[in-house]
């Protein structure tokens, strides 16, 4: 298990360093296809109601980790500042949410 002292940003950076080497030969289209496959897997796990809830949660958590790792590959390949773009997106969504919650009369 990863040290709990490690901050999320440090972990993200480690994943990007890992991805520089591990997925160096993959292009963005292949990486996005991998991401789509893992998101589909996440969705499929949720539909497996015959599995005990605890097992489904563990599978979903592992799959979420895989999804995030693929996203680090995209961010490093396209040199995207994930912190900045996530912050901007949250700001836009918050404004939109506020406007829907409190419409101008």
Protein backbone atom coordinates (compact mmCIF):
# COMPACT_ATOMS: atom_id res chain seq x y z
CA UNK A 1 0.00 0.00 0.00
CA UNK A 2 1.17 3.53 -0.80
CA UNK A 3 2.39 5.63 2.11
CA UNK A 4 -0.37 7.77 3.57
CA UNK A 5 2.12 10.65 4.01
CA UNK A 6 2.42 11.01 0.24
CA UNK A 7 0.26 13.89 -0.97
CA UNK A 8 -2.07 13.36 -3.92
CA UNK A 9 -0.04 15.72 -6.12
CA UNK A 10 3.15 13.79 -5.36
CA UNK A 11 1.40 10.53 -6.17
CA UNK A 12 0.09 12.00 -9.44
CA UNK A 13 3.62 13.10 -10.35
CA UNK A 14 4.96 9.61 -9.61
CA UNK A 15 2.29 8.13 -11.86
CA UNK A 16 3.18 10.54 -14.67
CA UNK A 17 6.87 9.57 -14.35
CA UNK A 18 5.84 5.91 -14.48
CA UNK A 19 3.67 6.55 -17.55
CA UNK A 20 6.48 8.34 -19.44
CA UNK A 21 8.27 5.01 -19.63
CA UNK A 22 5.46 2.47 -19.37
CA UNK A 23 3.26 3.90 -22.10
CA UNK A 24 5.87 5.68 -24.21
CA UNK A 25 4.94 3.75 -27.35
CA UNK A 26 1.17 4.29 -27.01
CA UNK A 27 -0.42 7.20 -28.83
CA UNK A 28 -3.26 9.31 -27.45
CA UNK A 29 -5.93 7.45 -29.47
CA UNK A 30 -4.84 4.10 -27.98
CA UNK A 31 -4.68 5.60 -24.52
CA UNK A 32 -8.19 7.04 -24.83
CA UNK A 33 -9.44 3.65 -26.06
CA UNK A 34 -7.90 2.05 -22.97
CA UNK A 35 -9.63 4.66 -20.80
CA UNK A 36 -12.98 3.96 -22.47
CA UNK A 37 -12.52 0.23 -21.90
CA UNK A 38 -11.78 0.74 -18.22
CA UNK A 39 -14.75 3.07 -17.77
CA UNK A 40 -16.93 0.41 -19.41
CA UNK A 41 -15.49 -2.16 -17.01
CA UNK A 42 -16.39 0.11 -14.09
CA UNK A 43 -19.94 0.33 -15.36
CA UNK A 44 -20.12 -3.46 -15.83
CA UNK A 45 -18.95 -4.07 -12.26
CA UNK A 46 -21.82 -1.94 -10.99
CA UNK A 47 -24.29 -4.15 -12.88
CA UNK A 48 -22.95 -7.37 -11.32
CA UNK A 49 -25.55 -7.53 -8.57
CA UNK A 50 -24.83 -11.20 -7.93
CA UNK A 51 -21.48 -10.22 -6.38
CA UNK A 52 -21.41 -9.35 -2.70
CA UNK A 53 -21.45 -5.58 -2.18
CA UNK A 54 -18.06 -5.61 -0.43
CA UNK A 55 -16.45 -7.40 -3.39
CA UNK A 56 -18.05 -5.00 -5.89
CA UNK A 57 -16.72 -2.02 -3.94
CA UNK A 58 -13.20 -3.49 -3.96
CA UNK A 59 -13.40 -4.18 -7.70
CA UNK A 60 -14.71 -0.69 -8.38
CA UNK A 61 -11.94 0.88 -6.28
CA UNK A 62 -9.27 -1.08 -8.17
CA UNK A 63 -10.84 -0.11 -11.49
CA UNK A 64 -11.01 3.55 -10.43
CA UNK A 65 -7.26 3.37 -9.75
CA UNK A 66 -6.74 1.96 -13.25
CA UNK A 67 -8.85 4.77 -14.73
CA UNK A 68 -6.85 7.42 -12.90
CA UNK A 69 -3.56 5.83 -13.95
CA UNK A 70 -4.62 5.97 -17.60
CA UNK A 71 -5.57 9.62 -17.12
CA UNK A 72 -2.02 10.31 -15.88
CA UNK A 73 -0.79 8.90 -19.17
CA UNK A 74 -2.97 11.36 -21.08
CA UNK A 75 -1.94 14.30 -18.91
CA UNK A 76 1.77 13.60 -19.35
CA UNK A 77 1.51 12.95 -23.12
CA UNK A 78 -0.43 16.17 -23.74
CA UNK A 79 1.38 18.15 -21.02
CA UNK A 80 -1.86 19.07 -19.26
CA UNK A 81 -1.80 20.79 -15.87
CA UNK A 82 -4.47 18.60 -14.25
CA UNK A 83 -4.72 20.70 -11.10
CA UNK A 84 -5.40 23.85 -13.11
CA UNK A 85 -7.90 22.33 -15.54
CA UNK A 86 -9.78 20.54 -12.74
CA UNK A 87 -9.97 23.78 -10.76
CA UNK A 88 -11.30 25.70 -13.78
CA UNK A 89 -13.86 23.01 -14.55
CA UNK A 90 -15.07 22.98 -10.94
CA UNK A 91 -15.42 26.75 -11.08
CA UNK A 92 -17.51 26.62 -14.28
CA UNK A 93 -19.66 23.77 -12.97
CA UNK A 94 -20.20 25.59 -9.66
CA UNK A 95 -21.40 28.68 -11.50
CA UNK A 96 -23.71 26.58 -13.67
CA UNK A 97 -25.04 24.73 -10.62
CA UNK A 98 -25.66 27.99 -8.78
CA UNK A 99 -27.48 29.45 -11.81
CA UNK A 100 -29.73 26.38 -12.07
CA UNK A 101 -30.40 26.42 -8.33
CA UNK A 102 -31.10 30.16 -8.25
CA UNK A 103 -32.55 31.19 -11.63
CA UNK A 104 -32.80 34.88 -12.44
CA UNK A 105 -36.41 35.98 -12.52
